[in-house]
PDB file of N, CA and C in Angstrom:
ATOM      1  N   MET A   1      -3.394   7.438  16.182  1.00  0.00           N
ATOM      2  CA  MET A   1      -2.321   6.754  15.506  1.00  0.00           C
ATOM      3  C   MET A   1      -2.860   5.066  15.151  1.00  0.00           C
ATOM      4  N   VAL A   2      -2.463   4.612  14.021  1.00  0.00           N
ATOM      5  CA  VAL A   2      -2.915   3.186  13.669  1.00  0.00           C
ATOM      6  C   VAL A   2      -1.794   2.511  13.285  1.00  0.00           C
ATOM      7  N   SER A   3      -1.728   1.399  14.049  1.00  0.00           N
ATOM      8  CA  SER A   3      -0.477   0.428  14.090  1.00  0.00           C
ATOM      9  C   SER A   3      -0.736  -0.627  12.923  1.00  0.00           C
ATOM     10  N   VAL A   4       0.195  -1.411  12.385  1.00  0.00           N
ATOM     11  CA  VAL A   4      -0.107  -2.479  11.495  1.00  0.00           C
ATOM     12  C   VAL A   4      -0.776  -3.647  12.209  1.00  0.00           C
ATOM     13  N   SER A   5      -0.586  -3.755  13.557  1.00  0.00           N
ATOM     14  CA  SER A   5      -1.167  -4.818  14.107  1.00  0.00           C
ATOM     15  C   SER A   5      -2.735  -4.548  14.382  1.00  0.00           C
ATOM     16  N   VAL A   6      -3.189  -3.475  14.249  1.00  0.00           N
ATOM     17  CA  VAL A   6      -4.556  -3.105  14.284  1.00  0.00           C
ATOM     18  C   VAL A   6      -5.080  -3.520  12.938  1.00  0.00           C
ATOM     19  N   TRP A   7      -4.296  -3.272  11.966  1.00  0.00           N
ATOM     20  CA  TRP A   7      -4.872  -3.534  10.583  1.00  0.00           C
ATOM     21  C   TRP A   7      -4.999  -5.253  10.425  1.00  0.00           C
ATOM     22  N   PHE A   8      -4.204  -6.003  11.041  1.00  0.00           N
ATOM     23  CA  PHE A   8      -4.354  -7.397  11.104  1.00  0.00           C
ATOM     24  C   PHE A   8      -5.554  -7.767  11.743  1.00  0.00           C
ATOM     25  N   PHE A   9      -6.062  -7.199  12.796  1.00  0.00           N
ATOM     26  CA  PHE A   9      -7.193  -7.522  13.586  1.00  0.00           C
ATOM     27  C   PHE A   9      -8.398  -6.863  12.989  1.00  0.00           C
ATOM     28  N   GLU A  10      -8.137  -5.754  12.315  1.00  0.00           N
ATOM     29  CA  GLU A  10      -9.422  -5.134  11.889  1.00  0.00           C
ATOM     30  C   GLU A  10      -9.842  -5.525  10.653  1.00  0.00           C
ATOM     31  N   GLY A  11      -9.085  -6.136   9.665  1.00  0.00           N
ATOM     32  CA  GLY A  11      -9.294  -6.718   8.460  1.00  0.00           C
ATOM     33  C   GLY A  11      -8.362  -5.771   7.445  1.00  0.00           C
ATOM     34  N   VAL A  12      -8.976  -5.944   6.175  1.00  0.00           N
ATOM     35  CA  VAL A  12      -8.342  -5.152   5.075  1.00  0.00           C
ATOM     36  C   VAL A  12      -8.488  -3.618   5.182  1.00  0.00           C
ATOM     37  N   PHE A  13      -7.364  -2.976   5.153  1.00  0.00           N
ATOM     38  CA  PHE A  13      -7.298  -1.483   5.458  1.00  0.00           C
ATOM     39  C   PHE A  13      -7.519  -0.772   4.188  1.00  0.00           C
ATOM     40  N   ILE A  14      -7.361  -1.306   2.965  1.00  0.00           N
ATOM     41  CA  ILE A  14      -7.534  -0.466   1.647  1.00  0.00           C
ATOM     42  C   ILE A  14      -9.088  -0.262   1.496  1.00  0.00           C
ATOM     43  N   GLY A  15      -9.526   1.029   1.480  1.00  0.00           N
ATOM     44  CA  GLY A  15     -10.829   1.308   1.301  1.00  0.00           C
ATOM     45  C   GLY A  15     -11.802   1.281   2.512  1.00  0.00           C
ATOM     46  N   ASN A  16     -10.918   0.938   3.600  1.00  0.00           N
ATOM     47  CA  ASN A  16     -11.616   1.004   5.012  1.00  0.00           C
ATOM     48  C   ASN A  16     -11.557   2.471   5.665  1.00  0.00           C
ATOM     49  N   GLU A  17     -12.807   2.923   5.865  1.00  0.00           N
ATOM     50  CA  GLU A  17     -12.991   4.278   6.503  1.00  0.00           C
ATOM     51  C   GLU A  17     -12.233   4.666   7.808  1.00  0.00           C
ATOM     52  N   LYS A  18     -11.840   3.512   8.498  1.00  0.00           N
ATOM     53  CA  LYS A  18     -11.161   3.438   9.737  1.00  0.00           C
ATOM     54  C   LYS A  18      -9.737   3.968   9.465  1.00  0.00           C
ATOM     55  N   PHE A  19      -9.344   3.867   8.265  1.00  0.00           N
ATOM     56  CA  PHE A  19      -7.750   4.085   7.898  1.00  0.00           C
ATOM     57  C   PHE A  19      -7.943   5.313   7.014  1.00  0.00           C
ATOM     58  N   SER A  20      -8.302   6.312   7.244  1.00  0.00           N
ATOM     59  CA  SER A  20      -8.621   7.416   6.271  1.00  0.00           C
ATOM     60  C   SER A  20      -7.216   7.980   5.639  1.00  0.00           C
ATOM     61  N   GLU A  21      -6.338   8.052   6.588  1.00  0.00           N
ATOM     62  CA  GLU A  21      -4.988   8.795   6.162  1.00  0.00           C
ATOM     63  C   GLU A  21      -4.352   7.965   5.152  1.00  0.00           C
ATOM     64  N   PRO A  22      -4.143   6.703   5.463  1.00  0.00           N
ATOM     65  CA  PRO A  22      -3.446   5.929   4.354  1.00  0.00           C
ATOM     66  C   PRO A  22      -4.184   5.860   3.140  1.00  0.00           C
ATOM     67  N   ASN A  23      -5.513   5.541   3.334  1.00  0.00           N
ATOM     68  CA  ASN A  23      -6.125   5.543   2.045  1.00  0.00           C
ATOM     69  C   ASN A  23      -6.314   6.746   1.386  1.00  0.00           C
ATOM     70  N   LYS A  24      -6.273   7.849   1.898  1.00  0.00           N
ATOM     71  CA  LYS A  24      -6.157   9.367   1.256  1.00  0.00           C
ATOM     72  C   LYS A  24      -4.903   9.191   0.371  1.00  0.00           C
ATOM     73  N   LEU A  25      -3.882   8.885   0.992  1.00  0.00           N
ATOM     74  CA  LEU A  25      -2.519   8.907   0.375  1.00  0.00           C
ATOM     75  C   LEU A  25      -2.421   7.717  -0.694  1.00  0.00           C
ATOM     76  N   LEU A  26      -2.931   6.626  -0.424  1.00  0.00           N
ATOM     77  CA  LEU A  26      -3.040   5.587  -1.641  1.00  0.00           C
ATOM     78  C   LEU A  26      -3.745   5.963  -2.817  1.00  0.00           C
ATOM     79  N   ASN A  27      -4.834   6.599  -2.522  1.00  0.00           N
ATOM     80  CA  ASN A  27      -5.667   6.975  -3.725  1.00  0.00           C
ATOM     81  C   ASN A  27      -4.968   8.088  -4.505  1.00  0.00           C
ATOM     82  N   GLU A  28      -4.392   8.988  -3.696  1.00  0.00           N
ATOM     83  CA  GLU A  28      -3.551  10.169  -4.456  1.00  0.00           C
ATOM     84  C   GLU A  28      -2.474   9.774  -5.287  1.00  0.00           C
ATOM     85  N   LEU A  29      -1.688   8.612  -4.669  1.00  0.00           N
ATOM     86  CA  LEU A  29      -0.587   8.118  -5.474  1.00  0.00           C
ATOM     87  C   LEU A  29      -1.208   7.192  -6.724  1.00  0.00           C
ATOM     88  N   ALA A  30      -2.327   6.521  -6.255  1.00  0.00           N
ATOM     89  CA  ALA A  30      -2.867   5.576  -7.497  1.00  0.00           C
ATOM     90  C   ALA A  30      -3.232   6.442  -8.513  1.00  0.00           C
ATOM     91  N   GLU A  31      -3.721   7.935  -8.369  1.00  0.00           N
ATOM     92  CA  GLU A  31      -3.989   8.615  -9.485  1.00  0.00           C
ATOM     93  C   GLU A  31      -2.935   9.104 -10.362  1.00  0.00           C
ATOM     94  N   LYS A  32      -1.810   9.506  -9.381  1.00  0.00           N
ATOM     95  CA  LYS A  32      -0.473   9.808  -9.967  1.00  0.00           C
ATOM     96  C   LYS A  32      -0.081   8.801 -11.001  1.00  0.00           C
ATOM     97  N   TYR A  33       0.034   7.596 -10.484  1.00  0.00           N
ATOM     98  CA  TYR A  33       0.607   6.446 -11.221  1.00  0.00           C
ATOM     99  C   TYR A  33      -0.392   5.642 -12.197  1.00  0.00           C
ATOM    100  N   SER A  34      -1.674   6.177 -12.170  1.00  0.00           N
ATOM    101  CA  SER A  34      -2.751   5.566 -13.120  1.00  0.00           C
ATOM    102  C   SER A  34      -2.695   4.098 -12.874  1.00  0.00           C
ATOM    103  N   VAL A  35      -2.902   3.880 -11.567  1.00  0.00           N
ATOM    104  CA  VAL A  35      -3.152   2.399 -11.082  1.00  0.00           C
ATOM    105  C   VAL A  35      -4.190   2.387  -9.870  1.00  0.00           C
ATOM    106  N   THR A  36      -4.414   1.354  -9.183  1.00  0.00           N
ATOM    107  CA  THR A  36      -5.265   1.256  -8.247  1.00  0.00           C
ATOM    108  C   THR A  36      -4.539   1.317  -6.868  1.00  0.00           C
ATOM    109  N   PRO A  37      -5.169   1.824  -5.733  1.00  0.00           N
ATOM    110  CA  PRO A  37      -4.725   1.739  -4.372  1.00  0.00           C
ATOM    111  C   PRO A  37      -3.697   0.546  -4.059  1.00  0.00           C
ATOM    112  N   THR A  38      -4.423  -0.727  -4.320  1.00  0.00           N
ATOM    113  CA  THR A  38      -3.767  -2.005  -4.255  1.00  0.00           C
ATOM    114  C   THR A  38      -2.600  -2.080  -4.862  1.00  0.00           C
ATOM    115  N   ALA A  39      -2.528  -1.562  -6.112  1.00  0.00           N
ATOM    116  CA  ALA A  39      -1.045  -1.574  -6.685  1.00  0.00           C
ATOM    117  C   ALA A  39      -0.011  -0.756  -5.962  1.00  0.00           C
ATOM    118  N   ILE A  40      -0.501   0.438  -5.518  1.00  0.00           N
ATOM    119  CA  ILE A  40       0.300   1.265  -4.728  1.00  0.00           C
ATOM    120  C   ILE A  40       0.872   0.674  -3.435  1.00  0.00           C
ATOM    121  N   ALA A  41      -0.089  -0.084  -2.714  1.00  0.00           N
ATOM    122  CA  ALA A  41       0.409  -0.763  -1.514  1.00  0.00           C
ATOM    123  C   ALA A  41       1.393  -1.863  -1.700  1.00  0.00           C
ATOM    124  N   ASP A  42       1.082  -2.484  -2.830  1.00  0.00           N
ATOM    125  CA  ASP A  42       2.037  -3.684  -3.302  1.00  0.00           C
ATOM    126  C   ASP A  42       3.475  -3.134  -3.804  1.00  0.00           C
ATOM    127  N   ALA A  43       3.287  -1.866  -4.266  1.00  0.00           N
ATOM    128  CA  ALA A  43       4.630  -1.394  -4.875  1.00  0.00           C
ATOM    129  C   ALA A  43       5.430  -0.992  -3.608  1.00  0.00           C
ATOM    130  N   TRP A  44       4.769  -0.546  -2.508  1.00  0.00           N
ATOM    131  CA  TRP A  44       5.486  -0.193  -1.382  1.00  0.00           C
ATOM    132  C   TRP A  44       6.173  -1.515  -0.793  1.00  0.00           C
ATOM    133  N   ILE A  45       5.622  -2.498  -0.721  1.00  0.00           N
ATOM    134  CA  ILE A  45       6.154  -3.675  -0.144  1.00  0.00           C
ATOM    135  C   ILE A  45       7.274  -4.133  -1.093  1.00  0.00           C
ATOM    136  N   LEU A  46       7.049  -4.070  -2.383  1.00  0.00           N
ATOM    137  CA  LEU A  46       8.233  -4.328  -3.428  1.00  0.00           C
ATOM    138  C   LEU A  46       9.466  -3.572  -3.484  1.00  0.00           C
ATOM    139  N   CYS A  47       9.211  -2.299  -3.032  1.00  0.00           N
ATOM    140  CA  CYS A  47      10.472  -1.478  -2.927  1.00  0.00           C
ATOM    141  C   CYS A  47      11.176  -1.456  -1.604  1.00  0.00           C
ATOM    142  N   HIS A  48      10.482  -2.101  -0.711  1.00  0.00           N
ATOM    143  CA  HIS A  48      10.964  -2.113   0.825  1.00  0.00           C
ATOM    144  C   HIS A  48      12.423  -2.511   0.917  1.00  0.00           C
ATOM    145  N   PRO A  49      13.314  -2.033   1.532  1.00  0.00           N
ATOM    146  CA  PRO A  49      14.718  -2.239   1.572  1.00  0.00           C
ATOM    147  C   PRO A  49      15.006  -3.797   2.251  1.00  0.00           C
ATOM    148  N   ALA A  50      14.001  -4.270   2.849  1.00  0.00           N
ATOM    149  CA  ALA A  50      14.208  -5.601   3.452  1.00  0.00           C
ATOM    150  C   ALA A  50      13.880  -6.562   2.513  1.00  0.00           C
ATOM    151  N   GLN A  51      13.548  -6.135   1.199  1.00  0.00           N
ATOM    152  CA  GLN A  51      13.362  -7.059  -0.136  1.00  0.00           C
ATOM    153  C   GLN A  51      12.352  -8.035   0.206  1.00  0.00           C
ATOM    154  N   MET A  52      11.170  -7.577   0.797  1.00  0.00           N
ATOM    155  CA  MET A  52      10.099  -8.463   1.206  1.00  0.00           C
ATOM    156  C   MET A  52       9.419  -8.837  -0.252  1.00  0.00           C
ATOM    157  N   GLN A  53       8.676 -10.008  -0.137  1.00  0.00           N
ATOM    158  CA  GLN A  53       8.071 -10.611  -1.325  1.00  0.00           C
ATOM    159  C   GLN A  53       6.613 -10.537  -1.082  1.00  0.00           C
ATOM    160  N   LEU A  54       5.801 -10.322  -2.120  1.00  0.00           N
ATOM    161  CA  LEU A  54       4.410 -10.487  -2.104  1.00  0.00           C
ATOM    162  C   LEU A  54       3.860 -11.742  -2.321  1.00  0.00           C
ATOM    163  N   ILE A  55       2.796 -12.108  -1.506  1.00  0.00           N
ATOM    164  CA  ILE A  55       1.983 -13.331  -1.770  1.00  0.00           C
ATOM    165  C   ILE A  55       0.737 -12.847  -2.060  1.00  0.00           C
ATOM    166  N   ALA A  56       0.132 -12.898  -3.223  1.00  0.00           N
ATOM    167  CA  ALA A  56      -0.913 -12.581  -3.668  1.00  0.00           C
ATOM    168  C   ALA A  56      -2.270 -13.162  -2.932  1.00  0.00           C
ATOM    169  N   GLY A  57      -2.263 -14.344  -2.947  1.00  0.00           N
ATOM    170  CA  GLY A  57      -3.544 -15.016  -2.188  1.00  0.00           C
ATOM    171  C   GLY A  57      -4.997 -14.748  -2.600  1.00  0.00           C
ATOM    172  N   SER A  58      -4.810 -14.659  -4.101  1.00  0.00           N
ATOM    173  CA  SER A  58      -6.045 -14.195  -4.823  1.00  0.00           C
ATOM    174  C   SER A  58      -6.191 -15.029  -6.036  1.00  0.00           C
ATOM    175  N   THR A  59      -7.366 -15.563  -6.266  1.00  0.00           N
ATOM    176  CA  THR A  59      -7.648 -16.112  -7.655  1.00  0.00           C
ATOM    177  C   THR A  59      -8.567 -15.224  -8.429  1.00  0.00           C
ATOM    178  N   ASN A  60      -8.771 -14.036  -8.100  1.00  0.00           N
ATOM    179  CA  ASN A  60      -9.700 -13.013  -8.755  1.00  0.00           C
ATOM    180  C   ASN A  60      -8.596 -12.309  -9.872  1.00  0.00           C
ATOM    181  N   THR A  61      -9.137 -12.690 -11.111  1.00  0.00           N
ATOM    182  CA  THR A  61      -8.106 -12.138 -12.231  1.00  0.00           C
ATOM    183  C   THR A  61      -7.810 -10.462 -12.169  1.00  0.00           C
ATOM    184  N   GLN A  62      -8.985  -9.852 -11.872  1.00  0.00           N
ATOM    185  CA  GLN A  62      -8.902  -8.298 -11.868  1.00  0.00           C
ATOM    186  C   GLN A  62      -7.868  -7.859 -10.739  1.00  0.00           C
ATOM    187  N   ARG A  63      -8.016  -8.654  -9.645  1.00  0.00           N
ATOM    188  CA  ARG A  63      -7.022  -8.182  -8.352  1.00  0.00           C
ATOM    189  C   ARG A  63      -5.615  -8.697  -8.645  1.00  0.00           C
ATOM    190  N   LEU A  64      -5.631  -9.890  -9.435  1.00  0.00           N
ATOM    191  CA  LEU A  64      -4.040 -10.270  -9.815  1.00  0.00           C
ATOM    192  C   LEU A  64      -3.418  -9.148 -10.733  1.00  0.00           C
ATOM    193  N   LYS A  65      -4.271  -8.482 -11.666  1.00  0.00           N
ATOM    194  CA  LYS A  65      -3.708  -7.599 -12.540  1.00  0.00           C
ATOM    195  C   LYS A  65      -3.341  -6.370 -11.737  1.00  0.00           C
ATOM    196  N   GLU A  66      -4.254  -5.900 -10.768  1.00  0.00           N
ATOM    197  CA  GLU A  66      -3.675  -4.840 -10.013  1.00  0.00           C
ATOM    198  C   GLU A  66      -2.546  -5.094  -9.278  1.00  0.00           C
ATOM    199  N   ILE A  67      -2.366  -6.338  -8.547  1.00  0.00           N
ATOM    200  CA  ILE A  67      -1.004  -6.599  -7.982  1.00  0.00           C
ATOM    201  C   ILE A  67       0.003  -6.623  -9.005  1.00  0.00           C
ATOM    202  N   ALA A  68      -0.135  -7.097 -10.039  1.00  0.00           N
ATOM    203  CA  ALA A  68       0.847  -7.168 -10.846  1.00  0.00           C
ATOM    204  C   ALA A  68       1.487  -5.696 -11.463  1.00  0.00           C
ATOM    205  N   ALA A  69       0.440  -4.882 -11.476  1.00  0.00           N
ATOM    206  CA  ALA A  69       0.828  -3.470 -11.956  1.00  0.00           C
ATOM    207  C   ALA A  69       1.852  -2.888 -10.830  1.00  0.00           C
ATOM    208  N   ALA A  70       1.908  -3.347  -9.630  1.00  0.00           N
ATOM    209  CA  ALA A  70       2.988  -2.930  -8.649  1.00  0.00           C
ATOM    210  C   ALA A  70       4.354  -3.059  -9.098  1.00  0.00           C
ATOM    211  N   ALA A  71       4.779  -4.198  -9.961  1.00  0.00           N
ATOM    212  CA  ALA A  71       6.043  -4.261 -10.430  1.00  0.00           C
ATOM    213  C   ALA A  71       6.513  -3.191 -11.357  1.00  0.00           C
ATOM    214  N   ASP A  72       5.641  -2.493 -11.993  1.00  0.00           N
ATOM    215  CA  ASP A  72       6.040  -1.327 -12.964  1.00  0.00           C
ATOM    216  C   ASP A  72       6.032  -0.101 -12.159  1.00  0.00           C
ATOM    217  N   ILE A  73       5.837   0.061 -11.023  1.00  0.00           N
ATOM    218  CA  ILE A  73       5.785   1.216 -10.176  1.00  0.00           C
ATOM    219  C   ILE A  73       7.138   1.454  -9.260  1.00  0.00           C
ATOM    220  N   THR A  74       7.718   2.728  -9.455  1.00  0.00           N
ATOM    221  CA  THR A  74       8.852   2.904  -8.446  1.00  0.00           C
ATOM    222  C   THR A  74       8.498   4.056  -7.840  1.00  0.00           C
ATOM    223  N   LEU A  75       8.189   3.817  -6.396  1.00  0.00           N
ATOM    224  CA  LEU A  75       7.760   4.956  -5.804  1.00  0.00           C
ATOM    225  C   LEU A  75       9.097   5.680  -5.298  1.00  0.00           C
ATOM    226  N   THR A  76       8.925   6.997  -5.211  1.00  0.00           N
ATOM    227  CA  THR A  76      10.155   7.768  -4.459  1.00  0.00           C
ATOM    228  C   THR A  76      10.291   7.404  -3.132  1.00  0.00           C
ATOM    229  N   ARG A  77      11.417   7.822  -2.629  1.00  0.00           N
ATOM    230  CA  ARG A  77      11.735   7.551  -1.177  1.00  0.00           C
ATOM    231  C   ARG A  77      10.639   8.582  -0.223  1.00  0.00           C
ATOM    232  N   GLU A  78      10.487   9.829  -0.867  1.00  0.00           N
ATOM    233  CA  GLU A  78       9.478  10.546  -0.239  1.00  0.00           C
ATOM    234  C   GLU A  78       8.134   9.910  -0.145  1.00  0.00           C
ATOM    235  N   GLU A  79       7.673   9.324  -1.217  1.00  0.00           N
ATOM    236  CA  GLU A  79       6.433   8.740  -1.278  1.00  0.00           C
ATOM    237  C   GLU A  79       6.121   7.470  -0.220  1.00  0.00           C
ATOM    238  N   ARG A  80       7.454   6.820  -0.299  1.00  0.00           N
ATOM    239  CA  ARG A  80       7.537   5.453   0.796  1.00  0.00           C
ATOM    240  C   ARG A  80       7.388   5.978   2.075  1.00  0.00           C
ATOM    241  N   TYR A  81       8.039   6.983   2.467  1.00  0.00           N
ATOM    242  CA  TYR A  81       7.927   7.455   3.708  1.00  0.00           C
ATOM    243  C   TYR A  81       6.754   8.172   4.090  1.00  0.00           C
ATOM    244  N   ARG A  82       6.135   8.801   3.190  1.00  0.00           N
ATOM    245  CA  ARG A  82       4.748   9.410   3.339  1.00  0.00           C
ATOM    246  C   ARG A  82       3.708   8.251   3.701  1.00  0.00           C
ATOM    247  N   LEU A  83       3.845   7.181   2.956  1.00  0.00           N
ATOM    248  CA  LEU A  83       2.918   6.046   3.271  1.00  0.00           C
ATOM    249  C   LEU A  83       3.130   5.522   4.489  1.00  0.00           C
ATOM    250  N   TYR A  84       4.581   5.321   4.872  1.00  0.00           N
ATOM    251  CA  TYR A  84       4.690   4.851   6.453  1.00  0.00           C
ATOM    252  C   TYR A  84       4.142   5.704   7.500  1.00  0.00           C
ATOM    253  N   LEU A  85       4.590   7.063   7.375  1.00  0.00           N
ATOM    254  CA  LEU A  85       3.887   7.846   8.407  1.00  0.00           C
ATOM    255  C   LEU A  85       2.353   8.109   8.344  1.00  0.00           C
ATOM    256  N   SER A  86       1.809   7.832   7.172  1.00  0.00           N
ATOM    257  CA  SER A  86       0.335   8.019   7.272  1.00  0.00           C
ATOM    258  C   SER A  86      -0.246   6.930   7.967  1.00  0.00           C
ATOM    259  N   ALA A  87       0.284   5.823   8.151  1.00  0.00           N
ATOM    260  CA  ALA A  87      -0.225   4.602   8.872  1.00  0.00           C
ATOM    261  C   ALA A  87       0.018   5.131  10.447  1.00  0.00           C
ATOM    262  N   GLY A  88       0.397   6.093  10.771  1.00  0.00           N
ATOM    263  CA  GLY A  88       0.787   6.506  12.248  1.00  0.00           C
ATOM    264  C   GLY A  88       1.966   5.982  12.899  1.00  0.00           C
ATOM    265  N   HIS A  89       3.176   5.626  11.959  1.00  0.00           N
ATOM    266  CA  HIS A  89       4.225   5.156  12.400  1.00  0.00           C
ATOM    267  C   HIS A  89       5.101   6.445  12.482  1.00  0.00           C
ATOM    268  N   ILE A  90       6.126   6.444  13.333  1.00  0.00           N
ATOM    269  CA  ILE A  90       7.125   7.361  13.468  1.00  0.00           C
ATOM    270  C   ILE A  90       8.579   7.013  12.822  1.00  0.00           C
ATOM    271  N   LEU A  91       9.361   7.822  12.295  1.00  0.00           N
ATOM    272  CA  LEU A  91      10.637   7.399  11.942  1.00  0.00           C
ATOM    273  C   LEU A  91      11.729   7.680  13.023  1.00  0.00           C
ATOM    274  N   PRO A  92      12.706   6.889  13.063  1.00  0.00           N
ATOM    275  CA  PRO A  92      13.567   7.066  14.078  1.00  0.00           C
ATOM    276  C   PRO A  92      14.453   8.281  13.897  1.00  0.00           C
TER     277      PRO A  92
END
């Protein structure tokens, strides 16, 4: 199992081989929605019921375009839960 705290200390998880399950699903959903895995990860944050907000933290134009694409994606409840579970979390 992989926890979010591990991601923080291990660095970026998107594209990182250590996090194969979340990346497999991010890539699958990115293909479905014709966006990048970054956009899918950001879409997950934007649709979270806690109404979290994104802080881009980038000056790279291409990365900012990927992040902005997240605003046009509406993940299904099943997709949101699958992403959560793929990171090794359990649902109550």
